[in-house]
């Protein structure tokens, strides 16, 4: 039977500004996404049995959940409905990206499922419609149809590719005992309603735009750090220890709880691991948009 294997890469936010709370209850964001080499893997295979069969490896809580709740299942189900496909599909999801750590694993899995299922069935969708389906699954999902370095606006679901920067080397620490639910992080942030005038906050936006188009570096910043660090001081200690161990910069990943450092070389990143013997850690690098497209076979 036909089969497709496809990776699902993690992301970090090089910059994450929360501008305020919108009238619809969501938050207005400006963020710079960057894909990194840490990844899950999906295998999709056509099946004679009807429906979608999903098996998850490497994450016991996810494997114990009803398949229908998983974003991979929901992504493929959405495409089957859109394309009116009746044939069955078997999906194996091998998890490596830790869940609920701000690294975008679930959203990346969903985007990989969309791309992989289209390749498996040899179907195509207009890009605008594929983005619409991706956005319906989650605010971060559209980014993973692009990869590389990109600007996210509105809820983070409106994506604009940005100029690439030189390859970065990362060391990611995922503390096993700390979980930060995204709704909690937003509540702790206590974002104010968006200002009615365009002039309010303009200097912050100009600063953000300048960083977006700079090819010199990341300029890490994350508005979630202060409220999350207040409730989980160890995350701030991890950030400071990464800096002490040679990171040029360090930051919270998304709304947490993973923390990452930018290191001058992979060797220095690996040496930093000795300071975190009880945590889950990863040495990885940035993945450019061109490399991402080749690995995901987006152009085909």
C-alpha atoms as a PDB file:
ATOM      1  CA  UNK A   1       0.000   0.000   0.000  1.00  0.00           C
ATOM      2  CA  UNK A   2       1.225   3.565  -0.644  1.00  0.00           C
ATOM      3  CA  UNK A   3       3.070   5.153   2.285  1.00  0.00           C
ATOM      4  CA  UNK A   4       4.435   8.610   3.161  1.00  0.00           C
ATOM      5  CA  UNK A   5       6.914   9.519   5.884  1.00  0.00           C
ATOM      6  CA  UNK A   6       7.187  13.166   6.894  1.00  0.00           C
ATOM      7  CA  UNK A   7       8.925  15.025   9.749  1.00  0.00           C
ATOM      8  CA  UNK A   8       7.194  17.560  11.980  1.00  0.00           C
ATOM      9  CA  UNK A   9       9.675  20.177  13.195  1.00  0.00           C
ATOM     10  CA  UNK A  10       9.497  22.142  16.444  1.00  0.00           C
ATOM     11  CA  UNK A  11       9.597  25.933  16.615  1.00  0.00           C
ATOM     12  CA  UNK A  12      10.786  28.617  18.946  1.00  0.00           C
ATOM     13  CA  UNK A  13       9.674  32.236  19.138  1.00  0.00           C
ATOM     14  CA  UNK A  14      12.647  34.544  18.681  1.00  0.00           C
ATOM     15  CA  UNK A  15      10.351  37.388  19.611  1.00  0.00           C
ATOM     16  CA  UNK A  16       6.863  37.254  21.144  1.00  0.00           C
ATOM     17  CA  UNK A  17       4.982  40.492  21.856  1.00  0.00           C
ATOM     18  CA  UNK A  18       1.426  40.444  23.211  1.00  0.00           C
ATOM     19  CA  UNK A  19      -0.071  43.787  22.207  1.00  0.00           C
ATOM     20  CA  UNK A  20      -3.358  43.397  24.059  1.00  0.00           C
ATOM     21  CA  UNK A  21      -6.653  41.569  24.293  1.00  0.00           C
ATOM     22  CA  UNK A  22      -9.010  41.803  21.328  1.00  0.00           C
ATOM     23  CA  UNK A  23     -12.766  42.240  21.420  1.00  0.00           C
ATOM     24  CA  UNK A  24     -13.212  38.615  20.295  1.00  0.00           C
ATOM     25  CA  UNK A  25     -11.386  37.391  23.409  1.00  0.00           C
ATOM     26  CA  UNK A  26      -8.190  36.413  21.614  1.00  0.00           C
ATOM     27  CA  UNK A  27      -4.879  38.242  22.004  1.00  0.00           C
ATOM     28  CA  UNK A  28      -3.202  40.358  19.353  1.00  0.00           C
ATOM     29  CA  UNK A  29       0.323  39.049  18.788  1.00  0.00           C
ATOM     30  CA  UNK A  30       3.479  39.980  16.944  1.00  0.00           C
ATOM     31  CA  UNK A  31       5.897  37.075  16.892  1.00  0.00           C
ATOM     32  CA  UNK A  32       8.943  35.872  14.983  1.00  0.00           C
ATOM     33  CA  UNK A  33       8.809  32.111  14.496  1.00  0.00           C
ATOM     34  CA  UNK A  34      11.849  29.955  13.746  1.00  0.00           C
ATOM     35  CA  UNK A  35      11.779  26.248  12.955  1.00  0.00           C
ATOM     36  CA  UNK A  36      14.409  24.081  14.658  1.00  0.00           C
ATOM     37  CA  UNK A  37      15.725  20.606  13.844  1.00  0.00           C
ATOM     38  CA  UNK A  38      14.040  18.872  16.801  1.00  0.00           C
ATOM     39  CA  UNK A  39      11.180  16.911  15.225  1.00  0.00           C
ATOM     40  CA  UNK A  40       8.465  14.289  15.456  1.00  0.00           C
ATOM     41  CA  UNK A  41       7.819  11.851  12.623  1.00  0.00           C
ATOM     42  CA  UNK A  42       4.599  10.826  10.908  1.00  0.00           C
ATOM     43  CA  UNK A  43       3.996   7.789   8.744  1.00  0.00           C
ATOM     44  CA  UNK A  44       0.794   7.695   6.702  1.00  0.00           C
ATOM     45  CA  UNK A  45      -0.309   4.586   4.838  1.00  0.00           C
ATOM     46  CA  UNK A  46      -3.368   3.894   2.721  1.00  0.00           C
ATOM     47  CA  UNK A  47      -5.614   1.253   4.290  1.00  0.00           C
ATOM     48  CA  UNK A  48      -8.338  -1.064   3.070  1.00  0.00           C
ATOM     49  CA  UNK A  49     -10.186  -0.408   6.305  1.00  0.00           C
ATOM     50  CA  UNK A  50     -12.414   2.687   6.313  1.00  0.00           C
ATOM     51  CA  UNK A  51     -11.733   5.709   8.467  1.00  0.00           C
ATOM     52  CA  UNK A  52      -8.640   6.986  10.248  1.00  0.00           C
ATOM     53  CA  UNK A  53      -6.513   4.780  12.506  1.00  0.00           C
ATOM     54  CA  UNK A  54      -3.982   6.746  14.597  1.00  0.00           C
ATOM     55  CA  UNK A  55      -1.273   5.269  16.835  1.00  0.00           C
ATOM     56  CA  UNK A  56       0.973   7.512  18.960  1.00  0.00           C
ATOM     57  CA  UNK A  57       4.403   6.419  20.206  1.00  0.00           C
ATOM     58  CA  UNK A  58       6.724   8.177  22.632  1.00  0.00           C
ATOM     59  CA  UNK A  59       4.116  10.036  24.686  1.00  0.00           C
ATOM     60  CA  UNK A  60       1.928   7.941  26.964  1.00  0.00           C
ATOM     61  CA  UNK A  61      -0.675  10.611  27.856  1.00  0.00           C
ATOM     62  CA  UNK A  62      -1.234  11.409  24.170  1.00  0.00           C
ATOM     63  CA  UNK A  63      -1.439   7.732  23.227  1.00  0.00           C
ATOM     64  CA  UNK A  64      -4.074   7.187  25.927  1.00  0.00           C
ATOM     65  CA  UNK A  65      -6.325   9.980  24.659  1.00  0.00           C
ATOM     66  CA  UNK A  66      -9.149   9.300  22.183  1.00  0.00           C
ATOM     67  CA  UNK A  67      -7.667   9.571  18.688  1.00  0.00           C
ATOM     68  CA  UNK A  68     -10.356  12.045  17.669  1.00  0.00           C
ATOM     69  CA  UNK A  69      -8.876  14.657  20.037  1.00  0.00           C
ATOM     70  CA  UNK A  70      -5.435  14.560  18.419  1.00  0.00           C
ATOM     71  CA  UNK A  71      -4.642  17.370  15.975  1.00  0.00           C
ATOM     72  CA  UNK A  72      -3.201  14.851  13.498  1.00  0.00           C
ATOM     73  CA  UNK A  73      -6.531  13.012  13.376  1.00  0.00           C
ATOM     74  CA  UNK A  74      -8.455  16.288  13.094  1.00  0.00           C
ATOM     75  CA  UNK A  75      -6.191  17.534  10.280  1.00  0.00           C
ATOM     76  CA  UNK A  76      -6.618  14.396   8.180  1.00  0.00           C
ATOM     77  CA  UNK A  77     -10.343  14.254   8.931  1.00  0.00           C
ATOM     78  CA  UNK A  78     -10.708  17.850   7.714  1.00  0.00           C
ATOM     79  CA  UNK A  79      -8.944  17.028   4.434  1.00  0.00           C
ATOM     80  CA  UNK A  80     -10.973  13.850   3.919  1.00  0.00           C
ATOM     81  CA  UNK A  81     -14.159  15.886   4.275  1.00  0.00           C
ATOM     82  CA  UNK A  82     -12.848  18.695   2.065  1.00  0.00           C
ATOM     83  CA  UNK A  83     -11.716  16.317  -0.704  1.00  0.00           C
ATOM     84  CA  UNK A  84     -14.557  13.806  -0.205  1.00  0.00           C
ATOM     85  CA  UNK A  85     -12.138  10.894   0.197  1.00  0.00           C
ATOM     86  CA  UNK A  86     -13.611   7.620   1.426  1.00  0.00           C
ATOM     87  CA  UNK A  87     -10.520   5.396   1.513  1.00  0.00           C
ATOM     88  CA  UNK A  88      -9.008   4.605   4.904  1.00  0.00           C
ATOM     89  CA  UNK A  89      -5.651   5.696   6.269  1.00  0.00           C
ATOM     90  CA  UNK A  90      -3.344   4.396   9.003  1.00  0.00           C
ATOM     91  CA  UNK A  91      -1.163   6.970  10.758  1.00  0.00           C
ATOM     92  CA  UNK A  92       1.739   6.423  13.122  1.00  0.00           C
ATOM     93  CA  UNK A  93       2.961   9.448  15.077  1.00  0.00           C
ATOM     94  CA  UNK A  94       6.346   9.101  16.767  1.00  0.00           C
ATOM     95  CA  UNK A  95       6.691  11.867  19.368  1.00  0.00           C
ATOM     96  CA  UNK A  96      10.028  13.414  20.258  1.00  0.00           C
ATOM     97  CA  UNK A  97       8.999  17.037  20.805  1.00  0.00           C
ATOM     98  CA  UNK A  98       7.787  17.294  24.412  1.00  0.00           C
ATOM     99  CA  UNK A  99       4.121  18.257  24.586  1.00  0.00           C
ATOM    100  CA  UNK A 100       2.904  21.401  26.304  1.00  0.00           C
ATOM    101  CA  UNK A 101       6.294  23.097  26.412  1.00  0.00           C
ATOM    102  CA  UNK A 102       5.826  25.983  23.948  1.00  0.00           C
ATOM    103  CA  UNK A 103       7.655  24.203  21.118  1.00  0.00           C
ATOM    104  CA  UNK A 104       4.646  23.816  18.821  1.00  0.00           C
ATOM    105  CA  UNK A 105       4.732  20.028  18.570  1.00  0.00           C
ATOM    106  CA  UNK A 106       0.995  19.511  18.214  1.00  0.00           C
ATOM    107  CA  UNK A 107       0.627  22.292  15.653  1.00  0.00           C
ATOM    108  CA  UNK A 108       3.596  21.003  13.665  1.00  0.00           C
ATOM    109  CA  UNK A 109       2.146  17.479  13.713  1.00  0.00           C
ATOM    110  CA  UNK A 110      -1.115  18.865  12.322  1.00  0.00           C
ATOM    111  CA  UNK A 111       0.618  20.725   9.473  1.00  0.00           C
ATOM    112  CA  UNK A 112       2.740  17.676   8.642  1.00  0.00           C
ATOM    113  CA  UNK A 113      -0.430  15.579   8.576  1.00  0.00           C
ATOM    114  CA  UNK A 114      -2.019  18.011   6.101  1.00  0.00           C
ATOM    115  CA  UNK A 115       1.017  17.984   3.811  1.00  0.00           C
ATOM    116  CA  UNK A 116       1.602  14.261   4.174  1.00  0.00           C
ATOM    117  CA  UNK A 117      -1.989  13.308   3.473  1.00  0.00           C
ATOM    118  CA  UNK A 118      -2.109  15.461   0.350  1.00  0.00           C
ATOM    119  CA  UNK A 119       1.052  13.745  -0.856  1.00  0.00           C
ATOM    120  CA  UNK A 120      -0.333  10.292   0.010  1.00  0.00           C
ATOM    121  CA  UNK A 121      -3.564  10.884  -1.907  1.00  0.00           C
ATOM    122  CA  UNK A 122      -1.854  12.883  -4.695  1.00  0.00           C
ATOM    123  CA  UNK A 123      -4.377  15.648  -4.223  1.00  0.00           C
ATOM    124  CA  UNK A 124      -3.905  19.417  -4.237  1.00  0.00           C
ATOM    125  CA  UNK A 125      -5.703  22.306  -2.602  1.00  0.00           C
ATOM    126  CA  UNK A 126      -5.431  26.016  -3.325  1.00  0.00           C
ATOM    127  CA  UNK A 127      -2.903  27.493  -0.898  1.00  0.00           C
ATOM    128  CA  UNK A 128      -5.488  29.884   0.559  1.00  0.00           C
ATOM    129  CA  UNK A 129      -7.872  27.029   1.383  1.00  0.00           C
ATOM    130  CA  UNK A 130      -5.100  24.918   2.922  1.00  0.00           C
ATOM    131  CA  UNK A 131      -4.131  27.871   5.128  1.00  0.00           C
ATOM    132  CA  UNK A 132      -7.765  28.303   6.124  1.00  0.00           C
ATOM    133  CA  UNK A 133      -7.992  24.660   7.208  1.00  0.00           C
ATOM    134  CA  UNK A 134      -4.668  24.956   9.043  1.00  0.00           C
ATOM    135  CA  UNK A 135      -5.857  28.048  10.939  1.00  0.00           C
ATOM    136  CA  UNK A 136      -9.045  26.254  11.975  1.00  0.00           C
ATOM    137  CA  UNK A 137      -6.895  23.648  13.738  1.00  0.00           C
ATOM    138  CA  UNK A 138      -4.802  26.119  15.735  1.00  0.00           C
ATOM    139  CA  UNK A 139      -3.163  29.543  15.554  1.00  0.00           C
ATOM    140  CA  UNK A 140       0.370  28.145  15.076  1.00  0.00           C
ATOM    141  CA  UNK A 141      -0.526  25.566  12.418  1.00  0.00           C
ATOM    142  CA  UNK A 142      -0.315  27.920   9.381  1.00  0.00           C
ATOM    143  CA  UNK A 143       3.309  28.764  10.220  1.00  0.00           C
ATOM    144  CA  UNK A 144       4.306  25.125   9.794  1.00  0.00           C
ATOM    145  CA  UNK A 145       3.140  25.193   6.182  1.00  0.00           C
ATOM    146  CA  UNK A 146       6.039  27.650   5.591  1.00  0.00           C
ATOM    147  CA  UNK A 147       8.784  26.955   8.121  1.00  0.00           C
ATOM    148  CA  UNK A 148      12.043  28.869   8.401  1.00  0.00           C
ATOM    149  CA  UNK A 149      11.862  32.343   9.908  1.00  0.00           C
ATOM    150  CA  UNK A 150       8.528  34.114   9.651  1.00  0.00           C
ATOM    151  CA  UNK A 151       6.440  36.880  11.140  1.00  0.00           C
ATOM    152  CA  UNK A 152       3.141  35.978  12.769  1.00  0.00           C
ATOM    153  CA  UNK A 153       0.492  38.662  13.330  1.00  0.00           C
ATOM    154  CA  UNK A 154      -3.130  38.839  14.552  1.00  0.00           C
ATOM    155  CA  UNK A 155      -3.465  35.657  16.656  1.00  0.00           C
ATOM    156  CA  UNK A 156      -0.137  34.491  15.220  1.00  0.00           C
ATOM    157  CA  UNK A 157      -1.990  32.768  12.379  1.00  0.00           C
ATOM    158  CA  UNK A 158      -1.294  35.369   9.675  1.00  0.00           C
ATOM    159  CA  UNK A 159       2.159  34.475   8.376  1.00  0.00           C
ATOM    160  CA  UNK A 160       4.741  36.476   6.417  1.00  0.00           C
ATOM    161  CA  UNK A 161       8.091  34.857   5.521  1.00  0.00           C
ATOM    162  CA  UNK A 162      11.101  36.882   6.687  1.00  0.00           C
ATOM    163  CA  UNK A 163      14.705  37.072   5.446  1.00  0.00           C
ATOM    164  CA  UNK A 164      16.780  34.199   6.745  1.00  0.00           C
ATOM    165  CA  UNK A 165      19.538  34.732   9.297  1.00  0.00           C
ATOM    166  CA  UNK A 166      22.745  32.672   9.694  1.00  0.00           C
ATOM    167  CA  UNK A 167      22.313  29.220  11.218  1.00  0.00           C
ATOM    168  CA  UNK A 168      21.771  29.267  14.982  1.00  0.00           C
ATOM    169  CA  UNK A 169      22.659  26.493  17.455  1.00  0.00           C
ATOM    170  CA  UNK A 170      20.233  25.851  20.295  1.00  0.00           C
ATOM    171  CA  UNK A 171      20.161  23.966  23.554  1.00  0.00           C
ATOM    172  CA  UNK A 172      16.601  23.328  24.747  1.00  0.00           C
ATOM    173  CA  UNK A 173      15.743  22.396  28.328  1.00  0.00           C
ATOM    174  CA  UNK A 174      12.321  20.857  29.009  1.00  0.00           C
ATOM    175  CA  UNK A 175      11.818  20.523  32.785  1.00  0.00           C
ATOM    176  CA  UNK A 176       9.746  17.416  33.370  1.00  0.00           C
ATOM    177  CA  UNK A 177       8.042  18.647  36.538  1.00  0.00           C
ATOM    178  CA  UNK A 178       6.813  22.005  35.195  1.00  0.00           C
ATOM    179  CA  UNK A 179       3.872  22.317  32.818  1.00  0.00           C
ATOM    180  CA  UNK A 180       2.475  25.716  31.783  1.00  0.00           C
ATOM    181  CA  UNK A 181      -0.994  25.507  30.174  1.00  0.00           C
ATOM    182  CA  UNK A 182      -1.254  28.260  27.558  1.00  0.00           C
ATOM    183  CA  UNK A 183      -4.593  29.624  28.912  1.00  0.00           C
ATOM    184  CA  UNK A 184      -2.947  30.013  32.335  1.00  0.00           C
ATOM    185  CA  UNK A 185       0.003  31.904  30.826  1.00  0.00           C
ATOM    186  CA  UNK A 186      -2.359  34.353  29.111  1.00  0.00           C
ATOM    187  CA  UNK A 187      -4.327  34.829  32.336  1.00  0.00           C
ATOM    188  CA  UNK A 188      -1.123  35.537  34.305  1.00  0.00           C
ATOM    189  CA  UNK A 189      -0.098  38.063  31.648  1.00  0.00           C
ATOM    190  CA  UNK A 190      -3.185  40.204  32.398  1.00  0.00           C
ATOM    191  CA  UNK A 191      -3.078  41.833  28.975  1.00  0.00           C
ATOM    192  CA  UNK A 192      -5.024  45.078  28.677  1.00  0.00           C
ATOM    193  CA  UNK A 193      -7.607  45.666  25.926  1.00  0.00           C
ATOM    194  CA  UNK A 194      -6.089  46.793  22.650  1.00  0.00           C
ATOM    195  CA  UNK A 195      -5.766  50.596  22.409  1.00  0.00           C
ATOM    196  CA  UNK A 196      -8.296  52.240  20.138  1.00  0.00           C
ATOM    197  CA  UNK A 197      -5.779  54.615  18.545  1.00  0.00           C
ATOM    198  CA  UNK A 198      -3.176  53.436  16.074  1.00  0.00           C
ATOM    199  CA  UNK A 199      -0.565  55.742  17.590  1.00  0.00           C
ATOM    200  CA  UNK A 200      -0.571  53.925  20.934  1.00  0.00           C
ATOM    201  CA  UNK A 201       2.287  51.441  21.099  1.00  0.00           C
ATOM    202  CA  UNK A 202       3.666  52.625  17.754  1.00  0.00           C
ATOM    203  CA  UNK A 203       7.263  52.766  18.990  1.00  0.00           C
ATOM    204  CA  UNK A 204       7.063  49.126  20.073  1.00  0.00           C
ATOM    205  CA  UNK A 205       5.763  48.152  16.643  1.00  0.00           C
ATOM    206  CA  UNK A 206       8.533  50.056  14.849  1.00  0.00           C
ATOM    207  CA  UNK A 207      11.122  48.341  17.039  1.00  0.00           C
ATOM    208  CA  UNK A 208       9.536  44.983  16.249  1.00  0.00           C
ATOM    209  CA  UNK A 209       9.540  45.663  12.485  1.00  0.00           C
ATOM    210  CA  UNK A 210      13.201  46.646  12.588  1.00  0.00           C
ATOM    211  CA  UNK A 211      14.095  43.376  14.282  1.00  0.00           C
ATOM    212  CA  UNK A 212      12.034  41.389  11.767  1.00  0.00           C
ATOM    213  CA  UNK A 213      14.032  42.682   8.816  1.00  0.00           C
ATOM    214  CA  UNK A 214      17.430  42.553  10.475  1.00  0.00           C
ATOM    215  CA  UNK A 215      19.766  39.839   9.187  1.00  0.00           C
ATOM    216  CA  UNK A 216      22.136  40.253  12.146  1.00  0.00           C
ATOM    217  CA  UNK A 217      20.522  38.150  14.808  1.00  0.00           C
ATOM    218  CA  UNK A 218      17.510  37.240  16.851  1.00  0.00           C
ATOM    219  CA  UNK A 219      17.124  39.911  19.576  1.00  0.00           C
ATOM    220  CA  UNK A 220      15.272  37.494  21.854  1.00  0.00           C
ATOM    221  CA  UNK A 221      12.255  38.831  23.742  1.00  0.00           C
ATOM    222  CA  UNK A 222       9.152  37.171  25.173  1.00  0.00           C
ATOM    223  CA  UNK A 223       6.320  38.934  27.009  1.00  0.00           C
ATOM    224  CA  UNK A 224       5.390  35.687  28.799  1.00  0.00           C
ATOM    225  CA  UNK A 225       8.686  35.516  30.672  1.00  0.00           C
ATOM    226  CA  UNK A 226       7.861  37.877  33.556  1.00  0.00           C
ATOM    227  CA  UNK A 227       4.493  36.327  34.572  1.00  0.00           C
ATOM    228  CA  UNK A 228       5.598  32.736  33.977  1.00  0.00           C
ATOM    229  CA  UNK A 229       8.907  33.183  35.812  1.00  0.00           C
ATOM    230  CA  UNK A 230       7.061  34.698  38.800  1.00  0.00           C
ATOM    231  CA  UNK A 231       5.069  31.481  39.204  1.00  0.00           C
ATOM    232  CA  UNK A 232       7.878  29.110  38.211  1.00  0.00           C
ATOM    233  CA  UNK A 233      11.165  30.663  39.419  1.00  0.00           C
ATOM    234  CA  UNK A 234      13.137  27.603  38.344  1.00  0.00           C
ATOM    235  CA  UNK A 235      12.529  28.509  34.692  1.00  0.00           C
ATOM    236  CA  UNK A 236      14.299  31.822  35.265  1.00  0.00           C
ATOM    237  CA  UNK A 237      17.129  29.957  36.994  1.00  0.00           C
ATOM    238  CA  UNK A 238      17.432  27.696  33.933  1.00  0.00           C
ATOM    239  CA  UNK A 239      17.615  30.758  31.680  1.00  0.00           C
ATOM    240  CA  UNK A 240      20.340  32.320  33.811  1.00  0.00           C
ATOM    241  CA  UNK A 241      22.288  29.059  33.994  1.00  0.00           C
ATOM    242  CA  UNK A 242      22.233  28.754  30.198  1.00  0.00           C
ATOM    243  CA  UNK A 243      23.780  32.213  30.006  1.00  0.00           C
ATOM    244  CA  UNK A 244      26.406  31.217  32.575  1.00  0.00           C
ATOM    245  CA  UNK A 245      27.236  28.131  30.528  1.00  0.00           C
ATOM    246  CA  UNK A 246      27.997  30.124  27.399  1.00  0.00           C
ATOM    247  CA  UNK A 247      24.689  30.965  25.734  1.00  0.00           C
ATOM    248  CA  UNK A 248      24.761  34.304  23.923  1.00  0.00           C
ATOM    249  CA  UNK A 249      21.036  34.677  24.635  1.00  0.00           C
ATOM    250  CA  UNK A 250      18.352  32.600  26.369  1.00  0.00           C
ATOM    251  CA  UNK A 251      14.584  32.786  26.526  1.00  0.00           C
ATOM    252  CA  UNK A 252      11.356  31.026  27.386  1.00  0.00           C
ATOM    253  CA  UNK A 253       9.951  28.987  24.481  1.00  0.00           C
ATOM    254  CA  UNK A 254       6.498  30.329  23.615  1.00  0.00           C
ATOM    255  CA  UNK A 255       4.412  30.353  26.801  1.00  0.00           C
ATOM    256  CA  UNK A 256       6.685  27.675  28.300  1.00  0.00           C
ATOM    257  CA  UNK A 257       7.742  25.635  30.024  1.00  0.00           C
ATOM    258  CA  UNK A 258      10.766  24.847  27.811  1.00  0.00           C
ATOM    259  CA  UNK A 259      13.700  27.279  27.919  1.00  0.00           C
ATOM    260  CA  UNK A 260      16.308  27.567  25.168  1.00  0.00           C
ATOM    261  CA  UNK A 261      19.729  29.103  24.768  1.00  0.00           C
ATOM    262  CA  UNK A 262      21.528  30.262  21.614  1.00  0.00           C
ATOM    263  CA  UNK A 263      25.101  28.931  21.593  1.00  0.00           C
ATOM    264  CA  UNK A 264      28.114  29.757  19.401  1.00  0.00           C
ATOM    265  CA  UNK A 265      28.587  26.086  18.447  1.00  0.00           C
ATOM    266  CA  UNK A 266      26.962  22.642  18.842  1.00  0.00           C
ATOM    267  CA  UNK A 267      29.890  21.562  21.026  1.00  0.00           C
ATOM    268  CA  UNK A 268      29.227  24.346  23.517  1.00  0.00           C
ATOM    269  CA  UNK A 269      25.532  23.485  23.493  1.00  0.00           C
ATOM    270  CA  UNK A 270      26.317  19.828  24.254  1.00  0.00           C
ATOM    271  CA  UNK A 271      28.617  20.816  27.117  1.00  0.00           C
ATOM    272  CA  UNK A 272      25.767  22.787  28.678  1.00  0.00           C
ATOM    273  CA  UNK A 273      23.788  19.553  29.085  1.00  0.00           C
ATOM    274  CA  UNK A 274      25.815  18.499  32.141  1.00  0.00           C
ATOM    275  CA  UNK A 275      24.025  21.180  34.149  1.00  0.00           C
ATOM    276  CA  UNK A 276      20.585  19.614  33.598  1.00  0.00           C
ATOM    277  CA  UNK A 277      20.867  15.886  34.435  1.00  0.00           C
ATOM    278  CA  UNK A 278      17.242  15.549  35.571  1.00  0.00           C
ATOM    279  CA  UNK A 279      15.601  17.409  32.692  1.00  0.00           C
ATOM    280  CA  UNK A 280      14.826  16.480  29.110  1.00  0.00           C
ATOM    281  CA  UNK A 281      17.309  18.303  26.877  1.00  0.00           C
ATOM    282  CA  UNK A 282      17.938  18.683  23.142  1.00  0.00           C
ATOM    283  CA  UNK A 283      20.797  20.068  21.066  1.00  0.00           C
ATOM    284  CA  UNK A 284      19.474  21.343  17.746  1.00  0.00           C
ATOM    285  CA  UNK A 285      19.841  24.046  15.100  1.00  0.00           C
ATOM    286  CA  UNK A 286      17.700  26.423  13.103  1.00  0.00           C
ATOM    287  CA  UNK A 287      16.098  25.117   9.917  1.00  0.00           C
ATOM    288  CA  UNK A 288      15.903  27.608   7.046  1.00  0.00           C
ATOM    289  CA  UNK A 289      12.783  27.950   4.911  1.00  0.00           C
ATOM    290  CA  UNK A 290      14.540  26.426   1.898  1.00  0.00           C
ATOM    291  CA  UNK A 291      15.750  23.429   3.855  1.00  0.00           C
ATOM    292  CA  UNK A 292      12.324  23.062   5.463  1.00  0.00           C
ATOM    293  CA  UNK A 293      10.647  23.038   2.040  1.00  0.00           C
ATOM    294  CA  UNK A 294      13.030  20.330   0.816  1.00  0.00           C
ATOM    295  CA  UNK A 295      12.592  18.139   3.889  1.00  0.00           C
ATOM    296  CA  UNK A 296       8.805  18.550   3.849  1.00  0.00           C
ATOM    297  CA  UNK A 297       8.713  18.367   0.019  1.00  0.00           C
ATOM    298  CA  UNK A 298       6.405  21.372  -0.010  1.00  0.00           C
ATOM    299  CA  UNK A 299       7.228  22.369  -3.574  1.00  0.00           C
ATOM    300  CA  UNK A 300       5.993  19.097  -5.014  1.00  0.00           C
END
